[in-house]
Amino acid sequence: MNIAHPQHLTISPFPAIERAKLFQLTLFNFLTGNEDSYLKNYSLIRRDSKIELSPMYDLSNSAMILNSKEEIALPLNGKKRNLDREDFLNYFARERLKMTDKIITKTIKGLENAFPLWIDHIQKSFLSESMKKKYIQNLNSRAARLELKVDLFSS
């Protein structure tokens, strides 16, 4: 199954909300280097007649450990690497998830606002200094490729 085919979300009474969650999670995984997010990491929960994405789990920066040539586990726009803003916003959000510009902008803004907090958490973590540096470099690089409006941080 390709991540860009969210047919199962059409049966949810709130498909726009679930699609926005999927979009946010996909961007988060890309930005933070979670290259190991396969279908097994996505689950649906049924509560009466409502079907929704489960709370997320296994959110880790595998890029620092795996040294994979891929940037995501599931293909997006036919690619697993060299992804950019076009792939995420135009192909995935607009074309596949049928999201409105308003929801896309709100999601992007939320990630931009969270960026300094992520850097702060990384700097306060128990990671070695070299791993902190690698993590922040990866975050900066991917944020730049998505053309996020964030201050890039030195490590």
N, C-alpha and C. Protein backbone atom coordinates (compact mmCIF):
# COMPACT_ATOMS: atom_id res chain seq x y z
N MET A 1 0.85 -1.18 0.00
CA MET A 1 0.00 0.00 0.00
C MET A 1 0.88 1.23 0.00
N ASN A 2 0.52 2.19 -0.76
CA ASN A 2 1.24 3.44 -0.86
C ASN A 2 0.60 4.46 0.08
N ILE A 3 1.41 5.20 0.82
CA ILE A 3 0.89 6.19 1.77
C ILE A 3 0.01 7.23 1.08
N ALA A 4 0.16 7.39 -0.20
CA ALA A 4 -0.60 8.41 -0.91
C ALA A 4 -1.99 7.93 -1.34
N HIS A 5 -2.42 6.79 -0.83
CA HIS A 5 -3.74 6.27 -1.16
C HIS A 5 -4.57 6.06 0.09
N PRO A 6 -5.09 7.13 0.67
CA PRO A 6 -5.82 7.03 1.94
C PRO A 6 -7.30 6.70 1.76
N GLN A 7 -7.62 5.68 0.94
CA GLN A 7 -9.02 5.37 0.68
C GLN A 7 -9.76 5.02 1.96
N HIS A 8 -9.09 4.39 2.90
CA HIS A 8 -9.75 3.97 4.13
C HIS A 8 -10.26 5.16 4.94
N LEU A 9 -9.73 6.34 4.71
CA LEU A 9 -10.17 7.51 5.47
C LEU A 9 -11.49 8.06 4.96
N THR A 10 -11.94 7.63 3.80
CA THR A 10 -13.20 8.15 3.27
C THR A 10 -14.40 7.63 4.04
N ILE A 11 -14.23 6.57 4.82
CA ILE A 11 -15.35 6.04 5.58
C ILE A 11 -15.49 6.71 6.94
N SER A 12 -14.55 7.55 7.30
CA SER A 12 -14.63 8.25 8.58
C SER A 12 -15.67 9.36 8.50
N PRO A 13 -16.43 9.55 9.60
CA PRO A 13 -17.37 10.67 9.61
C PRO A 13 -16.66 12.02 9.56
N PHE A 14 -15.39 12.06 9.87
CA PHE A 14 -14.62 13.30 9.84
C PHE A 14 -13.36 13.11 8.99
N PRO A 15 -13.52 12.80 7.72
CA PRO A 15 -12.34 12.50 6.91
C PRO A 15 -11.35 13.65 6.80
N ALA A 16 -11.81 14.88 6.80
CA ALA A 16 -10.88 16.01 6.68
C ALA A 16 -9.96 16.08 7.89
N ILE A 17 -10.48 15.79 9.06
CA ILE A 17 -9.66 15.80 10.27
C ILE A 17 -8.62 14.69 10.22
N GLU A 18 -9.02 13.50 9.81
CA GLU A 18 -8.09 12.37 9.75
C GLU A 18 -7.04 12.59 8.67
N ARG A 19 -7.42 13.18 7.57
CA ARG A 19 -6.45 13.47 6.51
C ARG A 19 -5.44 14.51 6.97
N ALA A 20 -5.90 15.51 7.71
CA ALA A 20 -4.98 16.52 8.25
C ALA A 20 -4.00 15.88 9.23
N LYS A 21 -4.49 14.94 10.05
CA LYS A 21 -3.61 14.22 10.99
C LYS A 21 -2.56 13.43 10.22
N LEU A 22 -2.98 12.74 9.16
CA LEU A 22 -2.05 11.94 8.37
C LEU A 22 -1.00 12.83 7.71
N PHE A 23 -1.42 13.97 7.19
CA PHE A 23 -0.49 14.92 6.58
C PHE A 23 0.52 15.43 7.60
N GLN A 24 0.04 15.82 8.77
CA GLN A 24 0.92 16.32 9.82
C GLN A 24 1.91 15.25 10.25
N LEU A 25 1.44 14.05 10.44
CA LEU A 25 2.32 12.96 10.84
C LEU A 25 3.37 12.66 9.78
N THR A 26 2.97 12.67 8.53
CA THR A 26 3.91 12.40 7.44
C THR A 26 5.00 13.48 7.39
N LEU A 27 4.61 14.73 7.54
CA LEU A 27 5.61 15.82 7.58
C LEU A 27 6.51 15.68 8.80
N PHE A 28 5.93 15.39 9.95
CA PHE A 28 6.72 15.22 11.18
C PHE A 28 7.74 14.10 11.00
N ASN A 29 7.31 12.96 10.48
CA ASN A 29 8.22 11.84 10.28
C ASN A 29 9.36 12.21 9.34
N PHE A 30 9.04 12.92 8.27
CA PHE A 30 10.09 13.36 7.34
C PHE A 30 11.07 14.31 8.01
N LEU A 31 10.52 15.33 8.67
CA LEU A 31 11.37 16.35 9.29
C LEU A 31 12.28 15.77 10.37
N THR A 32 11.76 14.88 11.17
CA THR A 32 12.52 14.36 12.31
C THR A 32 13.35 13.13 11.96
N GLY A 33 13.31 12.70 10.72
CA GLY A 33 14.16 11.60 10.30
C GLY A 33 13.62 10.22 10.63
N ASN A 34 12.31 10.11 10.79
CA ASN A 34 11.71 8.80 11.04
C ASN A 34 11.53 8.09 9.70
N GLU A 35 12.60 7.45 9.26
CA GLU A 35 12.60 6.78 7.97
C GLU A 35 12.07 5.36 8.06
N ASP A 36 11.63 4.97 9.23
CA ASP A 36 11.21 3.60 9.48
C ASP A 36 9.71 3.52 9.77
N SER A 37 8.94 4.46 9.27
CA SER A 37 7.51 4.49 9.54
C SER A 37 6.76 3.75 8.43
N TYR A 38 6.61 2.45 8.63
CA TYR A 38 5.92 1.58 7.68
C TYR A 38 4.45 1.50 8.03
N LEU A 39 3.71 0.77 7.23
CA LEU A 39 2.27 0.64 7.48
C LEU A 39 1.97 0.09 8.86
N LYS A 40 2.86 -0.72 9.40
CA LYS A 40 2.61 -1.27 10.74
C LYS A 40 2.54 -0.18 11.80
N ASN A 41 3.01 1.01 11.48
CA ASN A 41 2.98 2.12 12.43
C ASN A 41 1.71 2.96 12.32
N TYR A 42 0.83 2.60 11.41
CA TYR A 42 -0.42 3.32 11.22
C TYR A 42 -1.57 2.37 11.54
N SER A 43 -2.44 2.79 12.41
CA SER A 43 -3.59 1.96 12.77
C SER A 43 -4.85 2.81 12.77
N LEU A 44 -5.96 2.13 12.57
CA LEU A 44 -7.26 2.79 12.64
C LEU A 44 -7.99 2.26 13.86
N ILE A 45 -8.74 3.13 14.48
CA ILE A 45 -9.55 2.77 15.63
C ILE A 45 -11.01 3.01 15.27
N ARG A 46 -11.84 2.05 15.63
CA ARG A 46 -13.27 2.21 15.40
C ARG A 46 -13.96 2.40 16.75
N ARG A 47 -14.65 3.50 16.89
CA ARG A 47 -15.44 3.81 18.08
C ARG A 47 -16.86 4.05 17.60
N ASP A 48 -17.70 3.08 17.84
CA ASP A 48 -19.07 3.10 17.32
C ASP A 48 -19.00 3.23 15.80
N SER A 49 -19.52 4.29 15.22
CA SER A 49 -19.49 4.43 13.76
C SER A 49 -18.34 5.31 13.28
N LYS A 50 -17.53 5.78 14.21
CA LYS A 50 -16.42 6.68 13.85
C LYS A 50 -15.13 5.88 13.70
N ILE A 51 -14.46 6.07 12.58
CA ILE A 51 -13.17 5.44 12.33
C ILE A 51 -12.14 6.55 12.22
N GLU A 52 -11.06 6.41 12.99
CA GLU A 52 -10.04 7.46 13.00
C GLU A 52 -8.65 6.86 13.13
N LEU A 53 -7.66 7.69 12.83
CA LEU A 53 -6.28 7.26 13.03
C LEU A 53 -6.02 7.07 14.51
N SER A 54 -5.27 6.05 14.83
CA SER A 54 -4.91 5.84 16.24
C SER A 54 -3.85 6.86 16.64
N PRO A 55 -3.68 7.03 17.95
CA PRO A 55 -2.53 7.83 18.38
C PRO A 55 -1.25 7.20 17.80
N MET A 56 -0.30 8.03 17.46
CA MET A 56 0.90 7.54 16.81
C MET A 56 1.89 6.95 17.82
N TYR A 57 2.67 6.03 17.33
CA TYR A 57 3.67 5.38 18.14
C TYR A 57 4.89 5.11 17.28
N ASP A 58 5.98 4.72 17.89
CA ASP A 58 7.24 4.41 17.20
C ASP A 58 7.73 5.62 16.40
N LEU A 59 7.69 6.79 17.03
CA LEU A 59 8.16 8.01 16.38
C LEU A 59 9.60 8.26 16.81
N SER A 60 10.51 7.77 16.03
CA SER A 60 11.93 7.91 16.39
C SER A 60 12.74 8.36 15.19
N ASN A 61 13.89 8.95 15.47
CA ASN A 61 14.78 9.39 14.40
C ASN A 61 15.66 8.21 14.00
N SER A 62 15.20 7.45 13.04
CA SER A 62 15.97 6.30 12.57
C SER A 62 17.07 6.72 11.60
N ALA A 63 16.98 7.93 11.06
CA ALA A 63 17.98 8.41 10.10
C ALA A 63 19.38 8.45 10.72
N MET A 64 19.44 8.75 12.01
CA MET A 64 20.74 8.85 12.68
C MET A 64 21.37 7.47 12.87
N ILE A 65 20.56 6.43 12.90
CA ILE A 65 21.05 5.09 13.18
C ILE A 65 21.20 4.27 11.91
N LEU A 66 20.20 4.30 11.06
CA LEU A 66 20.16 3.41 9.89
C LEU A 66 21.08 3.83 8.75
N ASN A 67 21.33 5.11 8.63
CA ASN A 67 22.11 5.62 7.49
C ASN A 67 21.56 5.11 6.17
N SER A 68 20.25 5.14 6.05
CA SER A 68 19.56 4.66 4.86
C SER A 68 19.67 5.69 3.74
N LYS A 69 19.52 5.20 2.53
CA LYS A 69 19.48 6.11 1.39
C LYS A 69 18.06 6.63 1.17
N GLU A 70 17.10 6.02 1.87
CA GLU A 70 15.71 6.46 1.78
C GLU A 70 15.41 7.45 2.89
N GLU A 71 14.47 8.34 2.63
CA GLU A 71 14.08 9.36 3.62
C GLU A 71 12.74 9.05 4.27
N ILE A 72 11.95 8.21 3.62
CA ILE A 72 10.70 7.74 4.18
C ILE A 72 10.53 6.29 3.77
N ALA A 73 9.75 5.55 4.55
CA ALA A 73 9.59 4.12 4.28
C ALA A 73 8.57 3.84 3.19
N LEU A 74 7.53 4.63 3.12
CA LEU A 74 6.47 4.42 2.14
C LEU A 74 6.60 5.44 1.02
N PRO A 75 6.47 5.01 -0.23
CA PRO A 75 6.65 5.94 -1.35
C PRO A 75 5.66 7.10 -1.33
N LEU A 76 6.15 8.25 -1.68
CA LEU A 76 5.33 9.45 -1.80
C LEU A 76 5.64 10.05 -3.16
N ASN A 77 4.63 10.16 -4.00
CA ASN A 77 4.82 10.64 -5.37
C ASN A 77 5.81 9.75 -6.11
N GLY A 78 5.80 8.45 -5.78
CA GLY A 78 6.67 7.48 -6.42
C GLY A 78 8.11 7.51 -5.93
N LYS A 79 8.38 8.25 -4.85
CA LYS A 79 9.76 8.40 -4.37
C LYS A 79 9.85 8.11 -2.88
N LYS A 80 11.05 7.69 -2.48
CA LYS A 80 11.35 7.52 -1.06
C LYS A 80 12.50 8.42 -0.62
N ARG A 81 13.04 9.19 -1.55
CA ARG A 81 14.12 10.13 -1.22
C ARG A 81 14.07 11.31 -2.19
N ASN A 82 14.89 12.31 -1.87
CA ASN A 82 14.90 13.55 -2.66
C ASN A 82 13.52 14.20 -2.69
N LEU A 83 12.84 14.11 -1.57
CA LEU A 83 11.51 14.70 -1.45
C LEU A 83 11.63 16.20 -1.18
N ASP A 84 10.63 16.94 -1.63
CA ASP A 84 10.63 18.38 -1.42
C ASP A 84 9.21 18.89 -1.20
N ARG A 85 9.09 20.19 -1.12
CA ARG A 85 7.80 20.84 -0.85
C ARG A 85 6.73 20.41 -1.85
N GLU A 86 7.09 20.33 -3.10
CA GLU A 86 6.16 19.93 -4.16
C GLU A 86 5.55 18.56 -3.86
N ASP A 87 6.38 17.62 -3.45
CA ASP A 87 5.90 16.27 -3.16
C ASP A 87 4.90 16.26 -2.01
N PHE A 88 5.21 16.98 -0.94
CA PHE A 88 4.37 16.96 0.24
C PHE A 88 3.12 17.84 0.10
N LEU A 89 3.28 19.05 -0.39
CA LEU A 89 2.14 19.97 -0.42
C LEU A 89 1.26 19.77 -1.65
N ASN A 90 1.86 19.79 -2.81
CA ASN A 90 1.03 19.69 -4.01
C ASN A 90 0.55 18.27 -4.28
N TYR A 91 1.48 17.32 -4.28
CA TYR A 91 1.07 15.95 -4.58
C TYR A 91 0.28 15.34 -3.43
N PHE A 92 0.89 15.26 -2.25
CA PHE A 92 0.26 14.53 -1.15
C PHE A 92 -0.94 15.27 -0.56
N ALA A 93 -0.75 16.50 -0.14
CA ALA A 93 -1.83 17.23 0.54
C ALA A 93 -2.96 17.62 -0.43
N ARG A 94 -2.62 18.26 -1.50
CA ARG A 94 -3.67 18.77 -2.40
C ARG A 94 -4.26 17.68 -3.30
N GLU A 95 -3.38 16.97 -3.98
CA GLU A 95 -3.85 16.01 -4.98
C GLU A 95 -4.40 14.73 -4.35
N ARG A 96 -3.66 14.12 -3.44
CA ARG A 96 -4.07 12.83 -2.89
C ARG A 96 -5.04 12.96 -1.72
N LEU A 97 -4.74 13.87 -0.78
CA LEU A 97 -5.59 14.00 0.40
C LEU A 97 -6.73 14.99 0.21
N LYS A 98 -6.71 15.74 -0.89
CA LYS A 98 -7.76 16.72 -1.20
C LYS A 98 -7.92 17.75 -0.09
N MET A 99 -6.80 18.18 0.48
CA MET A 99 -6.83 19.16 1.56
C MET A 99 -6.94 20.58 1.00
N THR A 100 -7.57 21.45 1.76
CA THR A 100 -7.69 22.85 1.35
C THR A 100 -6.40 23.59 1.70
N ASP A 101 -6.18 24.70 1.02
CA ASP A 101 -5.00 25.52 1.31
C ASP A 101 -5.01 26.01 2.76
N LYS A 102 -6.20 26.29 3.28
CA LYS A 102 -6.32 26.77 4.66
C LYS A 102 -5.79 25.72 5.65
N ILE A 103 -6.17 24.47 5.47
CA ILE A 103 -5.72 23.40 6.37
C ILE A 103 -4.23 23.12 6.18
N ILE A 104 -3.77 23.15 4.94
CA ILE A 104 -2.34 22.94 4.67
C ILE A 104 -1.53 24.03 5.36
N THR A 105 -1.94 25.27 5.19
CA THR A 105 -1.22 26.39 5.80
C THR A 105 -1.22 26.28 7.33
N LYS A 106 -2.35 25.92 7.90
CA LYS A 106 -2.44 25.76 9.35
C LYS A 106 -1.49 24.66 9.84
N THR A 107 -1.43 23.56 9.12
CA THR A 107 -0.54 22.46 9.49
C THR A 107 0.92 22.87 9.41
N ILE A 108 1.28 23.53 8.32
CA ILE A 108 2.66 24.00 8.13
C ILE A 108 3.03 24.99 9.23
N LYS A 109 2.14 25.91 9.52
CA LYS A 109 2.40 26.92 10.56
C LYS A 109 2.62 26.26 11.92
N GLY A 110 1.83 25.24 12.22
CA GLY A 110 2.00 24.51 13.47
C GLY A 110 3.37 23.87 13.58
N LEU A 111 3.85 23.30 12.49
CA LEU A 111 5.19 22.70 12.48
C LEU A 111 6.27 23.77 12.60
N GLU A 112 6.07 24.88 11.91
CA GLU A 112 7.05 25.98 12.01
C GLU A 112 7.13 26.50 13.44
N ASN A 113 5.98 26.61 14.09
CA ASN A 113 5.97 27.09 15.48
C ASN A 113 6.61 26.09 16.44
N ALA A 114 6.51 24.82 16.14
CA ALA A 114 7.08 23.77 17.00
C ALA A 114 8.59 23.62 16.82
N PHE A 115 9.11 24.07 15.70
CA PHE A 115 10.52 23.85 15.36
C PHE A 115 11.48 24.28 16.47
N PRO A 116 11.37 25.49 17.02
CA PRO A 116 12.30 25.88 18.09
C PRO A 116 12.20 24.97 19.32
N LEU A 117 11.00 24.48 19.61
CA LEU A 117 10.82 23.57 20.74
C LEU A 117 11.54 22.24 20.49
N TRP A 118 11.47 21.75 19.26
CA TRP A 118 12.17 20.51 18.93
C TRP A 118 13.67 20.68 19.14
N ILE A 119 14.19 21.82 18.66
CA ILE A 119 15.63 22.09 18.82
C ILE A 119 15.99 22.14 20.30
N ASP A 120 15.16 22.81 21.08
CA ASP A 120 15.41 22.90 22.53
C ASP A 120 15.42 21.53 23.18
N HIS A 121 14.47 20.68 22.82
CA HIS A 121 14.43 19.33 23.37
C HIS A 121 15.65 18.50 22.96
N ILE A 122 16.06 18.66 21.74
CA ILE A 122 17.25 17.93 21.27
C ILE A 122 18.48 18.39 22.07
N GLN A 123 18.61 19.70 22.22
CA GLN A 123 19.77 20.23 22.95
C GLN A 123 19.77 19.83 24.42
N LYS A 124 18.61 19.60 25.00
CA LYS A 124 18.52 19.19 26.40
C LYS A 124 18.54 17.67 26.58
N SER A 125 18.55 16.96 25.49
CA SER A 125 18.46 15.50 25.56
C SER A 125 19.76 14.88 26.06
N PHE A 126 19.70 13.58 26.27
CA PHE A 126 20.86 12.83 26.71
C PHE A 126 21.68 12.28 25.54
N LEU A 127 21.36 12.74 24.35
CA LEU A 127 22.16 12.33 23.19
C LEU A 127 23.58 12.88 23.33
N SER A 128 24.52 12.19 22.72
CA SER A 128 25.89 12.72 22.70
C SER A 128 25.90 14.01 21.90
N GLU A 129 26.92 14.82 22.08
CA GLU A 129 27.02 16.08 21.34
C GLU A 129 27.05 15.84 19.83
N SER A 130 27.73 14.79 19.40
CA SER A 130 27.79 14.50 17.96
C SER A 130 26.43 14.07 17.42
N MET A 131 25.65 13.33 18.22
CA MET A 131 24.32 12.91 17.78
C MET A 131 23.36 14.11 17.78
N LYS A 132 23.49 15.00 18.75
CA LYS A 132 22.67 16.21 18.76
C LYS A 132 22.94 17.02 17.50
N LYS A 133 24.22 17.17 17.17
CA LYS A 133 24.61 17.93 15.99
C LYS A 133 24.01 17.30 14.72
N LYS A 134 24.12 15.99 14.61
CA LYS A 134 23.59 15.28 13.45
C LYS A 134 22.07 15.44 13.36
N TYR A 135 21.39 15.33 14.49
CA TYR A 135 19.93 15.46 14.53
C TYR A 135 19.51 16.86 14.06
N ILE A 136 20.15 17.88 14.59
CA ILE A 136 19.80 19.27 14.25
C ILE A 136 20.13 19.57 12.79
N GLN A 137 21.26 19.06 12.30
CA GLN A 137 21.60 19.25 10.89
C GLN A 137 20.54 18.62 9.98
N ASN A 138 20.09 17.43 10.34
CA ASN A 138 19.07 16.74 9.56
C ASN A 138 17.75 17.53 9.58
N LEU A 139 17.37 17.99 10.74
CA LEU A 139 16.15 18.78 10.89
C LEU A 139 16.21 20.06 10.06
N ASN A 140 17.34 20.77 10.14
CA ASN A 140 17.53 21.99 9.36
C ASN A 140 17.47 21.72 7.87
N SER A 141 18.15 20.69 7.43
CA SER A 141 18.20 20.35 6.01
C SER A 141 16.81 20.05 5.46
N ARG A 142 16.06 19.27 6.19
CA ARG A 142 14.73 18.89 5.72
C ARG A 142 13.75 20.06 5.80
N ALA A 143 13.88 20.90 6.81
CA ALA A 143 13.03 22.10 6.91
C ALA A 143 13.30 23.02 5.72
N ALA A 144 14.56 23.16 5.34
CA ALA A 144 14.91 24.00 4.20
C ALA A 144 14.33 23.44 2.91
N ARG A 145 14.36 22.13 2.74
CA ARG A 145 13.81 21.52 1.53
C ARG A 145 12.30 21.69 1.44
N LEU A 146 11.65 21.77 2.59
CA LEU A 146 10.21 22.01 2.61
C LEU A 146 9.88 23.50 2.58
N GLU A 147 10.93 24.33 2.58
CA GLU A 147 10.80 25.78 2.55
C GLU A 147 9.99 26.29 3.73
N LEU A 148 10.21 25.67 4.89
CA LEU A 148 9.55 26.13 6.09
C LEU A 148 10.14 27.47 6.52
N LYS A 149 9.31 28.31 7.07
CA LYS A 149 9.76 29.62 7.55
C LYS A 149 10.19 29.47 9.00
N VAL A 150 11.42 28.97 9.16
CA VAL A 150 11.98 28.75 10.50
C VAL A 150 13.41 29.29 10.52
N ASP A 151 13.85 29.64 11.69
CA ASP A 151 15.26 29.99 11.87
C ASP A 151 16.04 28.70 11.94
N LEU A 152 17.01 28.55 11.09
CA LEU A 152 17.82 27.35 11.13
C LEU A 152 18.82 27.51 12.27
N PHE A 153 18.99 26.45 13.00
CA PHE A 153 19.80 26.48 14.21
C PHE A 153 21.13 25.81 13.97
N SER A 154 22.17 26.37 14.57
CA SER A 154 23.47 25.69 14.53
C SER A 154 23.49 24.71 15.69
N SER A 155 24.28 23.71 15.52
CA SER A 155 24.33 22.67 16.55
C SER A 155 25.52 22.81 17.46
